[in-house]
Amino acid sequence: MAKVAIKKTSEIRAEYYRPNSFPTIWCPGCGIGNVVASMVRAIDTVGLKHDDTVVVTGIGCSGIIYNYLNFDAYHGIHGRAIPVAVGLKLANPRLNVIVPMGDGDSSAIGGNHLIHAARRNIDITAIVVNNSTYGNTGGQFSPLTPTGSITTTSPFGNIENSFDLCELAKGAGATYVARGATYYSRQMIDLIANGIRHKGFSLIEVISQCPVQYGRRNKLPTAVDLLKWQKENTVSVTRAKTMSPEELKGKFIIGELVNIEAPDQEYTARYERLIEKARSGGKS
């Protein structure tokens, strides 16, 4: 097999980022830049064309991602990135629709939209940056904030149980579900690339770091501290199979969690068949 040439950072920047878009507005140590870099490398790996790709974001720190990328984009309102993405995909099924969101954006106000996009199995790629906090609005806890965490809305510790977004997507019917972490950038590129290639709803959750709003309140004040925490609290899918529920408690399983190939069950494909049936007078 021929070896694929890896593009230089300068080449990636010239091809995929907007001119004069740097420096970014993200705080020093923020993991969103890592996620964007991996997302762009994944797009390049798959070979998506600029004219066939659109990036849809909501509100929050991750909502600024579209500012830096040389793709057509839509900046929606908080929690509503997925409905916009679904509309774009239905209007033009040839588009590659990529939806970066934050943990609050996707799982709180936008949680219902995520569930139904997974249920319909529509071919969009949702990338959830899980930094355990609402970083843009003051450091409140989200549905994915670990229990016991100190936040501005839980100064004595978060008493709510966080849920597993990947298990939620899996239960709702997503046909590709994966989890990565900014500590494992090479794996993150591969997971996002596989999610883009997949014909159906893809969810890639990325455990990320927010040293300013989350880390400093939870004795992890630097990006290095948070990255070490990721290393210590993530386990691979393969290793997880050998661990007991007690050993897995509090750990994040990373890797591909679901990969079901059923392109004929993708929503826009079924919708197109329905349109043809209607045009033929109901004949199948």
C-alpha atoms as a PDB file:
ATOM      1  CA  MET A   1       0.000   0.000   0.000  1.00  0.00           C
ATOM      2  CA  ALA A   2       1.336   3.431  -0.966  1.00  0.00           C
ATOM      3  CA  LYS A   3       2.303   5.642   1.928  1.00  0.00           C
ATOM      4  CA  VAL A   4       0.069   8.697   2.260  1.00  0.00           C
ATOM      5  CA  ALA A   5       2.015  11.938   2.535  1.00  0.00           C
ATOM      6  CA  ILE A   6       1.278  13.894   5.701  1.00  0.00           C
ATOM      7  CA  LYS A   7       0.784  17.561   4.959  1.00  0.00           C
ATOM      8  CA  LYS A   8       2.816  20.149   6.798  1.00  0.00           C
ATOM      9  CA  THR A   9       1.057  22.376   9.316  1.00  0.00           C
ATOM     10  CA  SER A  10       1.653  25.357   7.030  1.00  0.00           C
ATOM     11  CA  GLU A  11      -0.107  23.545   4.175  1.00  0.00           C
ATOM     12  CA  ILE A  12      -3.060  22.599   6.383  1.00  0.00           C
ATOM     13  CA  ARG A  13      -3.334  26.158   7.645  1.00  0.00           C
ATOM     14  CA  ALA A  14      -3.296  27.632   4.125  1.00  0.00           C
ATOM     15  CA  GLU A  15      -5.919  25.199   2.845  1.00  0.00           C
ATOM     16  CA  TYR A  16      -8.402  24.972   5.705  1.00  0.00           C
ATOM     17  CA  TYR A  17      -8.160  28.083   7.873  1.00  0.00           C
ATOM     18  CA  ARG A  18      -9.327  31.598   7.109  1.00  0.00           C
ATOM     19  CA  PRO A  19      -6.567  34.133   6.420  1.00  0.00           C
ATOM     20  CA  ASN A  20      -5.660  36.307   9.404  1.00  0.00           C
ATOM     21  CA  SER A  21      -7.831  34.188  11.721  1.00  0.00           C
ATOM     22  CA  PHE A  22      -5.139  33.780  14.370  1.00  0.00           C
ATOM     23  CA  PRO A  23      -4.651  34.174  17.260  1.00  0.00           C
ATOM     24  CA  THR A  24      -7.896  32.597  18.480  1.00  0.00           C
ATOM     25  CA  ILE A  25      -9.979  34.017  21.308  1.00  0.00           C
ATOM     26  CA  TRP A  26      -9.840  30.809  23.358  1.00  0.00           C
ATOM     27  CA  CYS A  27      -8.143  30.932  26.736  1.00  0.00           C
ATOM     28  CA  PRO A  28      -4.557  29.634  27.089  1.00  0.00           C
ATOM     29  CA  GLY A  29      -4.666  25.875  27.601  1.00  0.00           C
ATOM     30  CA  CYS A  30      -8.186  25.434  26.202  1.00  0.00           C
ATOM     31  CA  GLY A  31      -8.683  22.109  24.447  1.00  0.00           C
ATOM     32  CA  ILE A  32     -10.961  23.393  21.681  1.00  0.00           C
ATOM     33  CA  GLY A  33      -7.970  24.298  19.516  1.00  0.00           C
ATOM     34  CA  ASN A  34      -6.786  20.679  19.810  1.00  0.00           C
ATOM     35  CA  VAL A  35     -10.214  19.465  18.706  1.00  0.00           C
ATOM     36  CA  VAL A  36     -10.297  21.835  15.728  1.00  0.00           C
ATOM     37  CA  ALA A  37      -6.811  20.788  14.643  1.00  0.00           C
ATOM     38  CA  SER A  38      -7.835  17.116  14.779  1.00  0.00           C
ATOM     39  CA  MET A  39     -11.106  17.846  12.995  1.00  0.00           C
ATOM     40  CA  VAL A  40      -9.263  19.598  10.161  1.00  0.00           C
ATOM     41  CA  ARG A  41      -6.741  16.760   9.886  1.00  0.00           C
ATOM     42  CA  ALA A  42      -9.653  14.310   9.740  1.00  0.00           C
ATOM     43  CA  ILE A  43     -11.344  16.327   6.985  1.00  0.00           C
ATOM     44  CA  ASP A  44      -8.095  16.326   5.039  1.00  0.00           C
ATOM     45  CA  THR A  45      -7.637  12.590   5.594  1.00  0.00           C
ATOM     46  CA  VAL A  46     -11.100  11.841   4.210  1.00  0.00           C
ATOM     47  CA  GLY A  47     -10.544  14.292   1.365  1.00  0.00           C
ATOM     48  CA  LEU A  48     -13.710  16.363   1.705  1.00  0.00           C
ATOM     49  CA  LYS A  49     -14.178  19.142  -0.809  1.00  0.00           C
ATOM     50  CA  HIS A  50     -14.694  22.637   0.525  1.00  0.00           C
ATOM     51  CA  ASP A  51     -17.764  23.230  -1.624  1.00  0.00           C
ATOM     52  CA  ASP A  52     -19.417  20.045  -0.328  1.00  0.00           C
ATOM     53  CA  THR A  53     -18.767  20.662   3.353  1.00  0.00           C
ATOM     54  CA  VAL A  54     -20.539  22.895   5.853  1.00  0.00           C
ATOM     55  CA  VAL A  55     -19.800  23.476   9.543  1.00  0.00           C
ATOM     56  CA  VAL A  56     -22.714  24.229  11.877  1.00  0.00           C
ATOM     57  CA  THR A  57     -22.168  25.526  15.414  1.00  0.00           C
ATOM     58  CA  GLY A  58     -24.310  26.695  18.294  1.00  0.00           C
ATOM     59  CA  ILE A  59     -23.417  29.076  21.112  1.00  0.00           C
ATOM     60  CA  GLY A  60     -20.596  28.775  23.615  1.00  0.00           C
ATOM     61  CA  CYS A  61     -16.833  28.492  23.369  1.00  0.00           C
ATOM     62  CA  SER A  62     -17.169  25.847  20.656  1.00  0.00           C
ATOM     63  CA  GLY A  63     -19.579  28.091  18.759  1.00  0.00           C
ATOM     64  CA  ILE A  64     -16.624  30.212  17.637  1.00  0.00           C
ATOM     65  CA  ILE A  65     -15.030  27.331  15.716  1.00  0.00           C
ATOM     66  CA  TYR A  66     -16.602  28.399  12.426  1.00  0.00           C
ATOM     67  CA  ASN A  67     -14.763  31.756  12.596  1.00  0.00           C
ATOM     68  CA  TYR A  68     -11.437  30.102  11.855  1.00  0.00           C
ATOM     69  CA  LEU A  69     -12.303  27.548   9.192  1.00  0.00           C
ATOM     70  CA  ASN A  70     -12.391  28.108   5.449  1.00  0.00           C
ATOM     71  CA  PHE A  71     -15.740  26.387   4.945  1.00  0.00           C
ATOM     72  CA  ASP A  72     -19.276  27.625   4.506  1.00  0.00           C
ATOM     73  CA  ALA A  73     -20.760  27.725   7.973  1.00  0.00           C
ATOM     74  CA  TYR A  74     -23.852  28.518   9.993  1.00  0.00           C
ATOM     75  CA  HIS A  75     -23.685  29.952  13.491  1.00  0.00           C
ATOM     76  CA  GLY A  76     -26.960  29.049  15.173  1.00  0.00           C
ATOM     77  CA  ILE A  77     -28.423  29.795  18.575  1.00  0.00           C
ATOM     78  CA  HIS A  78     -27.748  27.893  21.765  1.00  0.00           C
ATOM     79  CA  GLY A  79     -28.724  24.235  21.539  1.00  0.00           C
ATOM     80  CA  ARG A  80     -30.083  24.510  18.003  1.00  0.00           C
ATOM     81  CA  ALA A  81     -27.100  23.500  15.891  1.00  0.00           C
ATOM     82  CA  ILE A  82     -28.485  20.043  15.131  1.00  0.00           C
ATOM     83  CA  PRO A  83     -31.877  21.206  13.752  1.00  0.00           C
ATOM     84  CA  VAL A  84     -30.030  23.536  11.371  1.00  0.00           C
ATOM     85  CA  ALA A  85     -27.681  20.728  10.373  1.00  0.00           C
ATOM     86  CA  VAL A  86     -30.610  18.378   9.755  1.00  0.00           C
ATOM     87  CA  GLY A  87     -32.331  21.000   7.597  1.00  0.00           C
ATOM     88  CA  LEU A  88     -29.189  21.527   5.528  1.00  0.00           C
ATOM     89  CA  LYS A  89     -28.729  17.795   5.005  1.00  0.00           C
ATOM     90  CA  LEU A  90     -32.339  17.276   3.943  1.00  0.00           C
ATOM     91  CA  ALA A  91     -32.203  20.245   1.568  1.00  0.00           C
ATOM     92  CA  ASN A  92     -28.933  19.086   0.006  1.00  0.00           C
ATOM     93  CA  PRO A  93     -28.045  15.460   0.815  1.00  0.00           C
ATOM     94  CA  ARG A  94     -24.672  15.679  -0.975  1.00  0.00           C
ATOM     95  CA  LEU A  95     -23.346  17.996   1.745  1.00  0.00           C
ATOM     96  CA  ASN A  96     -20.975  16.773   4.432  1.00  0.00           C
ATOM     97  CA  VAL A  97     -22.443  18.389   7.541  1.00  0.00           C
ATOM     98  CA  ILE A  98     -20.159  18.633  10.587  1.00  0.00           C
ATOM     99  CA  VAL A  99     -21.556  19.918  13.874  1.00  0.00           C
ATOM    100  CA  PRO A 100     -19.083  20.851  16.653  1.00  0.00           C
ATOM    101  CA  MET A 101     -20.865  21.563  19.948  1.00  0.00           C
ATOM    102  CA  GLY A 102     -20.124  21.958  23.629  1.00  0.00           C
ATOM    103  CA  ASP A 103     -21.322  19.644  26.394  1.00  0.00           C
ATOM    104  CA  GLY A 104     -24.001  22.080  27.544  1.00  0.00           C
ATOM    105  CA  ASP A 105     -24.991  23.069  24.015  1.00  0.00           C
ATOM    106  CA  SER A 106     -25.500  19.451  22.952  1.00  0.00           C
ATOM    107  CA  SER A 107     -26.772  17.723  26.084  1.00  0.00           C
ATOM    108  CA  ALA A 108     -28.840  20.330  27.933  1.00  0.00           C
ATOM    109  CA  ILE A 109     -30.870  22.757  25.816  1.00  0.00           C
ATOM    110  CA  GLY A 110     -29.940  20.776  22.691  1.00  0.00           C
ATOM    111  CA  GLY A 111     -30.278  17.304  24.155  1.00  0.00           C
ATOM    112  CA  ASN A 112     -33.667  16.534  22.668  1.00  0.00           C
ATOM    113  CA  HIS A 113     -32.439  17.454  19.185  1.00  0.00           C
ATOM    114  CA  LEU A 114     -29.450  15.140  19.560  1.00  0.00           C
ATOM    115  CA  ILE A 115     -31.681  12.245  20.608  1.00  0.00           C
ATOM    116  CA  HIS A 116     -33.958  12.590  17.595  1.00  0.00           C
ATOM    117  CA  ALA A 117     -31.132  13.079  15.103  1.00  0.00           C
ATOM    118  CA  ALA A 118     -29.686   9.809  16.414  1.00  0.00           C
ATOM    119  CA  ARG A 119     -33.101   8.148  16.276  1.00  0.00           C
ATOM    120  CA  ARG A 120     -33.575   9.181  12.647  1.00  0.00           C
ATOM    121  CA  ASN A 121     -30.003   8.136  11.792  1.00  0.00           C
ATOM    122  CA  ILE A 122     -29.424  11.173   9.598  1.00  0.00           C
ATOM    123  CA  ASP A 123     -25.972  11.469   8.056  1.00  0.00           C
ATOM    124  CA  ILE A 124     -24.417  14.311  10.044  1.00  0.00           C
ATOM    125  CA  THR A 125     -21.275  14.219  12.174  1.00  0.00           C
ATOM    126  CA  ALA A 126     -21.730  15.618  15.687  1.00  0.00           C
ATOM    127  CA  ILE A 127     -18.527  16.401  17.585  1.00  0.00           C
ATOM    128  CA  VAL A 128     -19.151  17.172  21.250  1.00  0.00           C
ATOM    129  CA  VAL A 129     -16.379  19.016  23.084  1.00  0.00           C
ATOM    130  CA  ASN A 130     -16.904  17.874  26.666  1.00  0.00           C
ATOM    131  CA  ASN A 131     -14.946  20.177  28.970  1.00  0.00           C
ATOM    132  CA  SER A 132     -17.365  19.618  31.874  1.00  0.00           C
ATOM    133  CA  THR A 133     -18.548  23.211  32.076  1.00  0.00           C
ATOM    134  CA  TYR A 134     -20.289  26.142  30.439  1.00  0.00           C
ATOM    135  CA  GLY A 135     -17.018  27.897  29.767  1.00  0.00           C
ATOM    136  CA  ASN A 136     -18.423  30.877  27.862  1.00  0.00           C
ATOM    137  CA  THR A 137     -21.059  31.987  30.353  1.00  0.00           C
ATOM    138  CA  GLY A 138     -19.348  31.733  33.703  1.00  0.00           C
ATOM    139  CA  GLY A 139     -18.469  28.138  34.548  1.00  0.00           C
ATOM    140  CA  GLN A 140     -21.828  26.594  35.434  1.00  0.00           C
ATOM    141  CA  PHE A 141     -22.216  22.809  35.572  1.00  0.00           C
ATOM    142  CA  SER A 142     -23.653  20.922  32.597  1.00  0.00           C
ATOM    143  CA  PRO A 143     -25.348  17.511  32.365  1.00  0.00           C
ATOM    144  CA  LEU A 144     -21.888  16.039  31.694  1.00  0.00           C
ATOM    145  CA  THR A 145     -20.085  17.657  34.644  1.00  0.00           C
ATOM    146  CA  PRO A 146     -18.762  14.943  36.971  1.00  0.00           C
ATOM    147  CA  THR A 147     -20.605  14.550  40.261  1.00  0.00           C
ATOM    148  CA  GLY A 148     -18.863  16.394  43.089  1.00  0.00           C
ATOM    149  CA  SER A 149     -17.261  19.010  40.815  1.00  0.00           C
ATOM    150  CA  ILE A 150     -17.008  22.606  41.992  1.00  0.00           C
ATOM    151  CA  THR A 151     -18.608  25.078  39.583  1.00  0.00           C
ATOM    152  CA  THR A 152     -20.139  28.544  39.878  1.00  0.00           C
ATOM    153  CA  THR A 153     -23.580  26.946  40.255  1.00  0.00           C
ATOM    154  CA  SER A 154     -22.343  24.168  42.564  1.00  0.00           C
ATOM    155  CA  PRO A 155     -19.848  25.898  44.897  1.00  0.00           C
ATOM    156  CA  PHE A 156     -20.129  23.045  47.419  1.00  0.00           C
ATOM    157  CA  GLY A 157     -19.956  20.289  44.822  1.00  0.00           C
ATOM    158  CA  ASN A 158     -22.286  19.155  42.030  1.00  0.00           C
ATOM    159  CA  ILE A 159     -24.848  16.751  43.517  1.00  0.00           C
ATOM    160  CA  GLU A 160     -26.352  15.728  40.169  1.00  0.00           C
ATOM    161  CA  ASN A 161     -25.402  12.478  38.463  1.00  0.00           C
ATOM    162  CA  SER A 162     -23.856  13.129  35.059  1.00  0.00           C
ATOM    163  CA  PHE A 163     -25.008  10.945  32.236  1.00  0.00           C
ATOM    164  CA  ASP A 164     -23.035   9.112  29.589  1.00  0.00           C
ATOM    165  CA  LEU A 165     -23.686  10.955  26.315  1.00  0.00           C
ATOM    166  CA  CYS A 166     -22.320   8.088  24.238  1.00  0.00           C
ATOM    167  CA  GLU A 167     -24.669   5.595  25.883  1.00  0.00           C
ATOM    168  CA  LEU A 168     -27.536   8.031  25.334  1.00  0.00           C
ATOM    169  CA  ALA A 169     -26.728   8.300  21.608  1.00  0.00           C
ATOM    170  CA  LYS A 170     -26.322   4.541  21.378  1.00  0.00           C
ATOM    171  CA  GLY A 171     -29.693   3.955  23.026  1.00  0.00           C
ATOM    172  CA  ALA A 172     -31.331   6.510  20.724  1.00  0.00           C
ATOM    173  CA  GLY A 173     -30.157   4.654  17.621  1.00  0.00           C
ATOM    174  CA  ALA A 174     -26.913   6.305  16.498  1.00  0.00           C
ATOM    175  CA  THR A 175     -25.028   3.975  14.171  1.00  0.00           C
ATOM    176  CA  TYR A 176     -21.575   5.433  14.902  1.00  0.00           C
ATOM    177  CA  VAL A 177     -20.561   6.394  18.425  1.00  0.00           C
ATOM    178  CA  ALA A 178     -17.036   7.071  19.642  1.00  0.00           C
ATOM    179  CA  ARG A 179     -15.215   8.865  22.413  1.00  0.00           C
ATOM    180  CA  GLY A 180     -11.767  10.379  22.354  1.00  0.00           C
ATOM    181  CA  ALA A 181      -9.739  12.801  24.433  1.00  0.00           C
ATOM    182  CA  THR A 182      -7.503  15.723  23.590  1.00  0.00           C
ATOM    183  CA  TYR A 183      -4.608  13.850  25.244  1.00  0.00           C
ATOM    184  CA  TYR A 184      -4.826  11.269  22.434  1.00  0.00           C
ATOM    185  CA  SER A 185      -4.751  13.528  19.372  1.00  0.00           C
ATOM    186  CA  ARG A 186      -3.833  10.812  16.835  1.00  0.00           C
ATOM    187  CA  GLN A 187      -6.752   8.667  17.936  1.00  0.00           C
ATOM    188  CA  MET A 188      -9.049  11.703  17.862  1.00  0.00           C
ATOM    189  CA  ILE A 189      -8.204  12.323  14.194  1.00  0.00           C
ATOM    190  CA  ASP A 190      -9.005   8.704  13.319  1.00  0.00           C
ATOM    191  CA  LEU A 191     -12.314   8.691  15.227  1.00  0.00           C
ATOM    192  CA  ILE A 192     -13.513  11.911  13.609  1.00  0.00           C
ATOM    193  CA  ALA A 193     -12.430  10.711  10.160  1.00  0.00           C
ATOM    194  CA  ASN A 194     -14.317   7.436  10.649  1.00  0.00           C
ATOM    195  CA  GLY A 195     -17.362   9.360  11.827  1.00  0.00           C
ATOM    196  CA  ILE A 196     -17.286  11.547   8.705  1.00  0.00           C
ATOM    197  CA  ARG A 197     -16.990   8.502   6.432  1.00  0.00           C
ATOM    198  CA  HIS A 198     -19.875   6.742   8.159  1.00  0.00           C
ATOM    199  CA  LYS A 199     -23.265   6.897   6.406  1.00  0.00           C
ATOM    200  CA  GLY A 200     -25.608   7.621   9.277  1.00  0.00           C
ATOM    201  CA  PHE A 201     -25.673   9.673  12.462  1.00  0.00           C
ATOM    202  CA  SER A 202     -22.208   9.891  14.001  1.00  0.00           C
ATOM    203  CA  LEU A 203     -21.408  11.133  17.489  1.00  0.00           C
ATOM    204  CA  ILE A 204     -17.839  11.683  18.611  1.00  0.00           C
ATOM    205  CA  GLU A 205     -17.495  12.918  22.185  1.00  0.00           C
ATOM    206  CA  VAL A 206     -14.112  14.438  23.003  1.00  0.00           C
ATOM    207  CA  ILE A 207     -13.016  14.809  26.621  1.00  0.00           C
ATOM    208  CA  SER A 208     -11.378  18.231  26.628  1.00  0.00           C
ATOM    209  CA  GLN A 209      -9.767  20.628  29.079  1.00  0.00           C
ATOM    210  CA  CYS A 210     -10.933  23.981  30.443  1.00  0.00           C
ATOM    211  CA  PRO A 211      -8.318  25.166  32.949  1.00  0.00           C
ATOM    212  CA  VAL A 212      -9.908  28.586  33.506  1.00  0.00           C
ATOM    213  CA  GLN A 213     -13.531  27.775  34.336  1.00  0.00           C
ATOM    214  CA  TYR A 214     -13.314  24.133  35.429  1.00  0.00           C
ATOM    215  CA  GLY A 215      -9.734  23.215  36.232  1.00  0.00           C
ATOM    216  CA  ARG A 216      -8.845  25.985  38.660  1.00  0.00           C
ATOM    217  CA  ARG A 217     -11.964  25.286  40.716  1.00  0.00           C
ATOM    218  CA  ASN A 218     -11.190  21.585  40.947  1.00  0.00           C
ATOM    219  CA  LYS A 219      -7.485  21.553  41.858  1.00  0.00           C
ATOM    220  CA  LEU A 220      -6.463  21.061  38.221  1.00  0.00           C
ATOM    221  CA  PRO A 221      -5.373  24.616  37.445  1.00  0.00           C
ATOM    222  CA  THR A 222      -3.321  24.052  34.290  1.00  0.00           C
ATOM    223  CA  ALA A 223      -3.866  22.346  30.950  1.00  0.00           C
ATOM    224  CA  VAL A 224      -1.076  19.903  31.849  1.00  0.00           C
ATOM    225  CA  ASP A 225      -2.926  18.912  35.039  1.00  0.00           C
ATOM    226  CA  LEU A 226      -6.117  18.291  33.080  1.00  0.00           C
ATOM    227  CA  LEU A 227      -4.345  16.309  30.368  1.00  0.00           C
ATOM    228  CA  LYS A 228      -2.719  14.119  33.031  1.00  0.00           C
ATOM    229  CA  TRP A 229      -6.187  13.632  34.521  1.00  0.00           C
ATOM    230  CA  GLN A 230      -7.429  12.486  31.110  1.00  0.00           C
ATOM    231  CA  LYS A 231      -4.592   9.977  30.834  1.00  0.00           C
ATOM    232  CA  GLU A 232      -5.328   8.587  34.295  1.00  0.00           C
ATOM    233  CA  ASN A 233      -9.106   8.426  33.889  1.00  0.00           C
ATOM    234  CA  THR A 234      -9.561   7.026  30.383  1.00  0.00           C
ATOM    235  CA  VAL A 235      -9.370   3.396  29.342  1.00  0.00           C
ATOM    236  CA  SER A 236      -9.450   1.868  25.883  1.00  0.00           C
ATOM    237  CA  VAL A 237     -12.380  -0.202  24.655  1.00  0.00           C
ATOM    238  CA  THR A 238     -10.150  -3.277  24.610  1.00  0.00           C
ATOM    239  CA  ARG A 239      -8.928  -2.789  28.161  1.00  0.00           C
ATOM    240  CA  ALA A 240     -12.426  -1.988  29.428  1.00  0.00           C
ATOM    241  CA  LYS A 241     -13.596  -5.456  28.395  1.00  0.00           C
ATOM    242  CA  THR A 242     -11.258  -6.979  31.000  1.00  0.00           C
ATOM    243  CA  MET A 243     -12.297  -4.637  33.837  1.00  0.00           C
ATOM    244  CA  SER A 244     -15.056  -5.050  36.394  1.00  0.00           C
ATOM    245  CA  PRO A 245     -17.836  -2.444  36.875  1.00  0.00           C
ATOM    246  CA  GLU A 246     -16.111  -1.370  40.092  1.00  0.00           C
ATOM    247  CA  GLU A 247     -12.817  -0.817  38.259  1.00  0.00           C
ATOM    248  CA  LEU A 248     -14.585   1.157  35.517  1.00  0.00           C
ATOM    249  CA  LYS A 249     -16.431   3.451  37.904  1.00  0.00           C
ATOM    250  CA  GLY A 250     -15.496   7.056  37.176  1.00  0.00           C
ATOM    251  CA  LYS A 251     -13.534   6.097  34.059  1.00  0.00           C
ATOM    252  CA  PHE A 252     -14.202   7.157  30.467  1.00  0.00           C
ATOM    253  CA  ILE A 253     -14.044   4.432  27.824  1.00  0.00           C
ATOM    254  CA  ILE A 254     -12.385   5.765  24.671  1.00  0.00           C
ATOM    255  CA  GLY A 255     -12.394   4.412  21.134  1.00  0.00           C
ATOM    256  CA  GLU A 256     -15.138   3.222  18.793  1.00  0.00           C
ATOM    257  CA  LEU A 257     -18.149   2.186  20.847  1.00  0.00           C
ATOM    258  CA  VAL A 258     -20.666   1.584  18.027  1.00  0.00           C
ATOM    259  CA  ASN A 259     -20.091   1.137  14.296  1.00  0.00           C
ATOM    260  CA  ILE A 260     -23.085  -0.278  12.434  1.00  0.00           C
ATOM    261  CA  GLU A 261     -22.934  -0.202   8.631  1.00  0.00           C
ATOM    262  CA  ALA A 262     -26.465   0.301   7.315  1.00  0.00           C
ATOM    263  CA  PRO A 263     -26.306   2.975   4.593  1.00  0.00           C
ATOM    264  CA  ASP A 264     -29.763   2.049   3.261  1.00  0.00           C
ATOM    265  CA  GLN A 265     -31.202   3.029   6.662  1.00  0.00           C
ATOM    266  CA  GLU A 266     -29.730   6.536   6.593  1.00  0.00           C
ATOM    267  CA  TYR A 267     -32.530   9.100   6.884  1.00  0.00           C
ATOM    268  CA  THR A 268     -31.937  11.233   3.781  1.00  0.00           C
ATOM    269  CA  ALA A 269     -31.689   8.088   1.637  1.00  0.00           C
ATOM    270  CA  ARG A 270     -35.018   6.858   2.985  1.00  0.00           C
ATOM    271  CA  TYR A 271     -36.507  10.324   2.559  1.00  0.00           C
ATOM    272  CA  GLU A 272     -35.435  10.433  -1.095  1.00  0.00           C
ATOM    273  CA  ARG A 273     -37.089   7.049  -1.654  1.00  0.00           C
ATOM    274  CA  LEU A 274     -40.250   8.384  -0.037  1.00  0.00           C
ATOM    275  CA  ILE A 275     -40.238  11.390  -2.371  1.00  0.00           C
ATOM    276  CA  GLU A 276     -39.901   9.110  -5.393  1.00  0.00           C
ATOM    277  CA  LYS A 277     -42.773   6.982  -4.122  1.00  0.00           C
ATOM    278  CA  ALA A 278     -44.961  10.049  -3.722  1.00  0.00           C
ATOM    279  CA  ARG A 279     -44.111  11.240  -7.234  1.00  0.00           C
ATOM    280  CA  SER A 280     -45.054   7.868  -8.669  1.00  0.00           C
ATOM    281  CA  GLY A 281     -48.496   8.047  -7.100  1.00  0.00           C
ATOM    282  CA  GLY A 282     -47.691   5.836  -4.133  1.00  0.00           C
ATOM    283  CA  LYS A 283     -46.285   2.963  -6.153  1.00  0.00           C
ATOM    284  CA  SER A 284     -43.268   1.319  -4.536  1.00  0.00           C
END
